[in-house]
Amino acid sequence: MDSLFAFITEPLAHEFMQRALLMSLLIAIVCSIFSCFLVLKGWSLMGDAVSHAVLPGLALAFMAGIPLGVGAFAAGIFCALATGYLKEHSRIKEDALMGIVFSGMFAFGLVLITRIETDVHLMHVLFGNVLGISKEELLSAGIIAALCSAIMLIKRKDFMLYCFDPAYAGVIGLPVKSLHFALLILLSLTIVSSLKAAGIILVIAMLIAPGAIGFMLSQSFDRMLLIALGASVFSCMTGTILSYHMDAATAPLIVVIQAGLFLLALTFEKFHRTTRERLINGKEA
């Protein structure tokens, strides 16, 4: 028990690990909340598109000398709006349009990154560097994450109804278009808040896996939120601590743990469903 306690508390002796653990906690909370809405809405590809599309925004923001988060947010919103506009004015399906838009923007961002001299390391942009979080980055990410989390929790019933059945939400008088664009804005902000820690490529896993785990293990949205939050916090905190002792990349390790939790949830859900079917068939016999 003492060795386990020392294993957990040893990283806390270092200031950079304190910031990393706090950052991991922040992104665990905001990503787990939003992942529930993404899973219900079926917006996994939209999250993937927006996360990849922020790269040219980062590069252009660096060239313009403005905060990188501003450029990333603007690029994310542009990707979402461009996809919506093209969907309304073409016969191509939305998934194909998202693939074209986000891959094009991502490639454009790679071209910009390779052509400009920058101190933003490409691998850190793609995969994150939570151990290198500064106090200023932690503060800005914390403000964005807290704002997004508060809005999503306060308006969770409206967002849940829109994600589950937008037609019925419109019938009962909910502002469907406003909710749609609010989700897009919150998605972009959530990605911006998690970008430094998780990176462009891995943030999508943190936005999907917790909600998928909660969806399989619950029958109500509030319970889904709690399970997603627990799985996300556990994986983010455990991954950060393990990365310190293993000298491994933090964000990929967090995603590996989340994938493991998803497989456990999938196995449990399948076992529970099989057991229930056997009981029902036994009663009918």
Protein backbone atom coordinates (compact mmCIF):
# COMPACT_ATOMS: atom_id res chain seq x y z
CA MET A 1 0.00 0.00 0.00
CA ASP A 2 2.85 2.37 0.85
CA SER A 3 4.52 1.67 -2.47
CA LEU A 4 1.28 2.42 -4.33
CA PHE A 5 0.88 5.67 -2.41
CA ALA A 6 4.47 6.64 -3.25
CA PHE A 7 3.87 5.67 -6.89
CA ILE A 8 0.93 8.09 -7.07
CA THR A 9 2.36 10.96 -5.01
CA GLU A 10 5.94 10.98 -6.33
CA PRO A 11 5.03 12.95 -9.50
CA LEU A 12 3.38 15.64 -7.35
CA ALA A 13 6.80 16.70 -6.09
CA HIS A 14 7.46 18.31 -9.47
CA GLU A 15 5.76 21.52 -10.52
CA PHE A 16 5.49 20.50 -14.18
CA MET A 17 3.68 17.30 -13.14
CA GLN A 18 1.29 19.28 -10.96
CA ARG A 19 0.37 21.39 -13.98
CA ALA A 20 0.13 18.29 -16.19
CA LEU A 21 -2.22 16.51 -13.77
CA LEU A 22 -4.41 19.59 -13.42
CA MET A 23 -4.51 19.99 -17.19
CA SER A 24 -5.40 16.31 -17.58
CA LEU A 25 -8.24 16.74 -15.12
CA LEU A 26 -9.58 19.76 -17.03
CA ILE A 27 -9.60 18.06 -20.41
CA ALA A 28 -11.01 14.88 -18.86
CA ILE A 29 -14.04 16.81 -17.60
CA VAL A 30 -14.78 18.91 -20.68
CA CYS A 31 -14.11 16.12 -23.20
CA SER A 32 -16.22 13.56 -21.33
CA ILE A 33 -19.20 15.92 -21.14
CA PHE A 34 -19.05 16.82 -24.80
CA SER A 35 -18.43 13.23 -25.89
CA CYS A 36 -21.88 12.26 -24.62
CA PHE A 37 -23.51 14.75 -26.99
CA LEU A 38 -21.25 13.74 -29.88
CA VAL A 39 -22.16 10.07 -29.45
CA LEU A 40 -25.89 10.81 -29.24
CA LYS A 41 -25.76 13.12 -32.25
CA GLY A 42 -23.55 10.79 -34.29
CA TRP A 43 -21.03 13.58 -34.84
CA SER A 44 -17.85 11.53 -34.46
CA LEU A 45 -16.70 12.48 -37.95
CA MET A 46 -17.54 16.14 -37.29
CA GLY A 47 -15.29 16.09 -34.24
CA ASP A 48 -12.55 14.48 -36.32
CA ALA A 49 -13.01 17.10 -39.04
CA VAL A 50 -12.85 20.08 -36.72
CA SER A 51 -9.85 18.75 -34.78
CA HIS A 52 -7.83 18.29 -37.98
CA ALA A 53 -9.01 21.54 -39.54
CA VAL A 54 -7.51 23.70 -36.78
CA LEU A 55 -3.95 23.13 -38.03
CA PRO A 56 -3.95 25.92 -40.69
CA GLY A 57 -5.51 28.21 -38.10
CA LEU A 58 -2.58 27.55 -35.77
CA ALA A 59 -0.06 28.26 -38.52
CA LEU A 60 -1.78 31.44 -39.72
CA ALA A 61 -2.18 32.69 -36.14
CA PHE A 62 1.55 32.20 -35.55
CA MET A 63 2.36 34.11 -38.74
CA ALA A 64 0.00 36.93 -37.74
CA GLY A 65 1.37 37.11 -34.21
CA ILE A 66 -1.99 36.46 -32.52
CA PRO A 67 -2.83 33.80 -29.89
CA LEU A 68 -2.81 30.32 -31.39
CA GLY A 69 -6.14 29.51 -29.76
CA VAL A 70 -7.83 32.29 -31.71
CA GLY A 71 -6.59 30.88 -35.00
CA ALA A 72 -7.54 27.33 -34.06
CA PHE A 73 -11.06 28.39 -33.04
CA ALA A 74 -11.57 30.39 -36.24
CA ALA A 75 -10.38 27.48 -38.41
CA GLY A 76 -12.62 25.02 -36.56
CA ILE A 77 -15.70 27.20 -37.01
CA PHE A 78 -14.84 27.76 -40.67
CA CYS A 79 -14.61 23.99 -41.23
CA ALA A 80 -18.00 23.36 -39.60
CA LEU A 81 -19.72 26.22 -41.46
CA ALA A 82 -18.12 25.29 -44.78
CA THR A 83 -19.33 21.72 -44.40
CA GLY A 84 -22.87 22.93 -43.65
CA TYR A 85 -22.87 25.32 -46.61
CA LEU A 86 -21.61 22.70 -49.04
CA LYS A 87 -24.18 20.22 -47.75
CA GLU A 88 -26.99 22.67 -48.54
CA HIS A 89 -25.66 23.50 -52.01
CA SER A 90 -24.53 20.14 -53.38
CA ARG A 91 -25.75 16.58 -53.76
CA ILE A 92 -22.74 15.09 -51.99
CA LYS A 93 -23.43 13.46 -48.63
CA GLU A 94 -22.23 15.14 -45.45
CA ASP A 95 -19.65 12.48 -44.52
CA ALA A 96 -17.92 12.84 -47.90
CA LEU A 97 -17.94 16.63 -47.61
CA MET A 98 -16.43 16.52 -44.14
CA GLY A 99 -13.70 14.19 -45.39
CA ILE A 100 -12.87 16.57 -48.24
CA VAL A 101 -12.95 19.74 -46.12
CA PHE A 102 -10.97 18.51 -43.12
CA SER A 103 -8.36 16.61 -45.16
CA GLY A 104 -7.87 19.65 -47.40
CA MET A 105 -7.49 22.02 -44.46
CA PHE A 106 -5.22 19.59 -42.62
CA ALA A 107 -2.97 19.24 -45.68
CA PHE A 108 -2.92 23.02 -46.10
CA GLY A 109 -1.87 23.35 -42.48
CA LEU A 110 0.96 20.86 -42.96
CA VAL A 111 2.20 22.86 -45.93
CA LEU A 112 2.18 26.06 -43.85
CA ILE A 113 3.89 24.40 -40.88
CA THR A 114 6.72 23.10 -43.06
CA ARG A 115 7.22 26.44 -44.82
CA ILE A 116 7.44 28.75 -41.81
CA GLU A 117 10.05 28.87 -39.11
CA THR A 118 8.32 28.28 -35.83
CA ASP A 119 9.18 27.16 -32.33
CA VAL A 120 5.95 25.14 -32.24
CA HIS A 121 7.21 21.58 -32.72
CA LEU A 122 5.11 19.68 -35.26
CA MET A 123 4.95 16.52 -33.15
CA HIS A 124 3.64 18.55 -30.22
CA VAL A 125 0.96 20.07 -32.44
CA LEU A 126 -0.12 16.66 -33.70
CA PHE A 127 0.16 14.60 -30.50
CA GLY A 128 0.20 17.13 -27.68
CA ASN A 129 2.69 17.78 -24.89
CA VAL A 130 0.87 17.94 -21.58
CA LEU A 131 4.14 17.75 -19.62
CA GLY A 132 5.22 21.03 -21.19
CA ILE A 133 2.15 23.03 -20.17
CA SER A 134 2.97 26.52 -18.87
CA LYS A 135 1.00 28.40 -16.23
CA GLU A 136 -0.43 30.76 -18.85
CA GLU A 137 -1.54 27.88 -21.08
CA LEU A 138 -3.08 26.10 -18.11
CA LEU A 139 -5.00 29.21 -17.13
CA SER A 140 -6.37 29.89 -20.61
CA ALA A 141 -7.28 26.24 -21.17
CA GLY A 142 -8.92 26.10 -17.75
CA ILE A 143 -11.10 29.14 -18.45
CA ILE A 144 -12.25 27.73 -21.80
CA ALA A 145 -12.85 24.25 -20.36
CA ALA A 146 -14.79 25.60 -17.38
CA LEU A 147 -16.95 27.82 -19.62
CA CYS A 148 -17.75 24.98 -22.05
CA SER A 149 -18.47 22.50 -19.25
CA ALA A 150 -20.79 24.93 -17.46
CA ILE A 151 -22.78 25.74 -20.61
CA MET A 152 -23.15 22.08 -21.59
CA LEU A 153 -24.28 21.05 -18.10
CA ILE A 154 -26.72 23.93 -17.67
CA LYS A 155 -28.28 23.38 -21.11
CA ARG A 156 -27.83 19.60 -21.16
CA LYS A 157 -31.55 18.82 -21.46
CA ASP A 158 -31.97 21.05 -24.53
CA PHE A 159 -28.78 19.73 -26.13
CA MET A 160 -29.75 16.13 -25.30
CA LEU A 161 -33.17 16.50 -26.91
CA TYR A 162 -31.69 18.16 -29.99
CA CYS A 163 -29.07 15.42 -30.35
CA PHE A 164 -31.57 12.60 -29.79
CA ASP A 165 -34.48 13.91 -31.88
CA PRO A 166 -33.99 17.32 -33.57
CA ALA A 167 -37.38 17.11 -35.30
CA TYR A 168 -39.25 16.76 -32.00
CA ALA A 169 -37.06 19.48 -30.44
CA GLY A 170 -38.22 21.85 -33.19
CA VAL A 171 -41.88 20.88 -32.71
CA ILE A 172 -41.86 21.75 -29.01
CA GLY A 173 -40.30 25.14 -29.73
CA LEU A 174 -36.59 24.69 -29.06
CA PRO A 175 -34.30 26.88 -31.21
CA VAL A 176 -32.85 24.01 -33.25
CA LYS A 177 -30.55 26.12 -35.42
CA SER A 178 -29.19 27.99 -32.42
CA LEU A 179 -28.53 24.70 -30.62
CA HIS A 180 -26.82 23.36 -33.73
CA PHE A 181 -24.41 26.28 -34.01
CA ALA A 182 -23.91 26.38 -30.24
CA LEU A 183 -22.73 22.77 -30.35
CA LEU A 184 -20.35 23.57 -33.20
CA ILE A 185 -18.91 26.53 -31.28
CA LEU A 186 -18.56 24.48 -28.10
CA LEU A 187 -16.92 21.67 -30.08
CA SER A 188 -14.34 24.08 -31.47
CA LEU A 189 -13.69 25.60 -28.05
CA THR A 190 -13.37 22.16 -26.44
CA ILE A 191 -10.80 21.14 -29.04
CA VAL A 192 -8.90 24.40 -28.52
CA SER A 193 -8.81 23.85 -24.75
CA SER A 194 -7.47 20.31 -25.20
CA LEU A 195 -5.12 20.98 -28.11
CA LYS A 196 -1.93 21.66 -26.17
CA ALA A 197 -2.34 18.55 -24.04
CA ALA A 198 -3.79 16.03 -26.49
CA GLY A 199 -2.81 17.33 -29.90
CA ILE A 200 -4.79 17.45 -33.11
CA ILE A 201 -4.84 13.71 -33.81
CA LEU A 202 -5.50 12.28 -30.35
CA VAL A 203 -8.06 14.78 -29.09
CA ILE A 204 -10.78 13.10 -31.17
CA ALA A 205 -10.31 9.86 -29.20
CA MET A 206 -10.82 11.76 -25.94
CA LEU A 207 -13.98 13.29 -27.42
CA ILE A 208 -15.52 9.96 -28.41
CA ALA A 209 -14.37 7.12 -26.13
CA PRO A 210 -15.84 8.35 -22.79
CA GLY A 211 -19.29 8.94 -24.30
CA ALA A 212 -19.22 5.56 -26.05
CA ILE A 213 -18.35 3.86 -22.75
CA GLY A 214 -21.14 5.68 -20.93
CA PHE A 215 -23.63 4.90 -23.70
CA MET A 216 -23.01 1.15 -23.48
CA LEU A 217 -23.24 1.00 -19.70
CA SER A 218 -26.31 3.16 -19.02
CA GLN A 219 -29.96 3.67 -19.86
CA SER A 220 -30.25 7.36 -18.94
CA PHE A 221 -28.36 10.44 -20.06
CA ASP A 222 -27.38 11.60 -16.57
CA ARG A 223 -25.94 8.17 -15.77
CA MET A 224 -24.18 8.22 -19.14
CA LEU A 225 -22.58 11.54 -18.17
CA LEU A 226 -21.36 10.18 -14.83
CA ILE A 227 -19.87 7.03 -16.34
CA ALA A 228 -18.20 9.00 -19.14
CA LEU A 229 -16.79 11.47 -16.61
CA GLY A 230 -15.45 8.68 -14.39
CA ALA A 231 -13.84 6.82 -17.29
CA SER A 232 -12.27 10.01 -18.67
CA VAL A 233 -10.89 11.22 -15.35
CA PHE A 234 -9.50 7.77 -14.52
CA SER A 235 -7.79 7.36 -17.88
CA CYS A 236 -6.39 10.91 -17.98
CA MET A 237 -5.02 10.88 -14.44
CA THR A 238 -3.71 7.30 -14.67
CA GLY A 239 -2.14 7.92 -18.07
CA THR A 240 -0.38 11.06 -16.86
CA ILE A 241 1.06 9.34 -13.78
CA LEU A 242 2.11 6.26 -15.73
CA SER A 243 3.77 8.39 -18.40
CA TYR A 244 5.97 9.95 -15.70
CA HIS A 245 7.19 6.57 -14.43
CA MET A 246 7.43 4.93 -17.86
CA ASP A 247 8.97 7.97 -19.60
CA ALA A 248 6.32 7.56 -22.30
CA ALA A 249 4.20 10.02 -24.30
CA THR A 250 1.26 11.08 -22.14
CA ALA A 251 -1.60 11.64 -24.59
CA PRO A 252 -1.13 8.36 -26.50
CA LEU A 253 -0.99 6.48 -23.19
CA ILE A 254 -4.26 8.11 -22.09
CA VAL A 255 -5.92 7.06 -25.36
CA VAL A 256 -4.63 3.48 -24.94
CA ILE A 257 -6.20 3.33 -21.47
CA GLN A 258 -9.48 4.70 -22.81
CA ALA A 259 -9.45 2.09 -25.58
CA GLY A 260 -8.92 -0.59 -22.94
CA LEU A 261 -11.84 0.72 -20.90
CA PHE A 262 -13.99 0.72 -24.04
CA LEU A 263 -13.16 -2.95 -24.68
CA LEU A 264 -14.02 -3.79 -21.07
CA ALA A 265 -17.32 -1.94 -21.37
CA LEU A 266 -18.06 -3.69 -24.66
CA THR A 267 -17.37 -7.09 -23.10
CA PHE A 268 -19.51 -6.33 -20.06
CA GLU A 269 -22.38 -5.02 -22.19
CA LYS A 270 -22.29 -8.10 -24.41
CA PHE A 271 -22.21 -10.43 -21.37
CA HIS A 272 -25.10 -8.56 -19.75
CA ARG A 273 -27.17 -8.67 -22.95
CA THR A 274 -26.53 -12.40 -23.43
CA THR A 275 -27.47 -13.15 -19.83
CA ARG A 276 -30.68 -11.15 -20.13
CA GLU A 277 -31.66 -12.93 -23.35
CA ARG A 278 -31.09 -16.30 -21.72
CA LEU A 279 -33.30 -15.34 -18.78
CA ILE A 280 -36.06 -14.14 -21.12
CA ASN A 281 -35.86 -17.31 -23.23
CA GLY A 282 -35.91 -19.43 -20.06
CA LYS A 283 -39.07 -17.75 -18.81
CA GLU A 284 -40.78 -18.16 -22.19
CA ALA A 285 -39.89 -21.86 -22.26
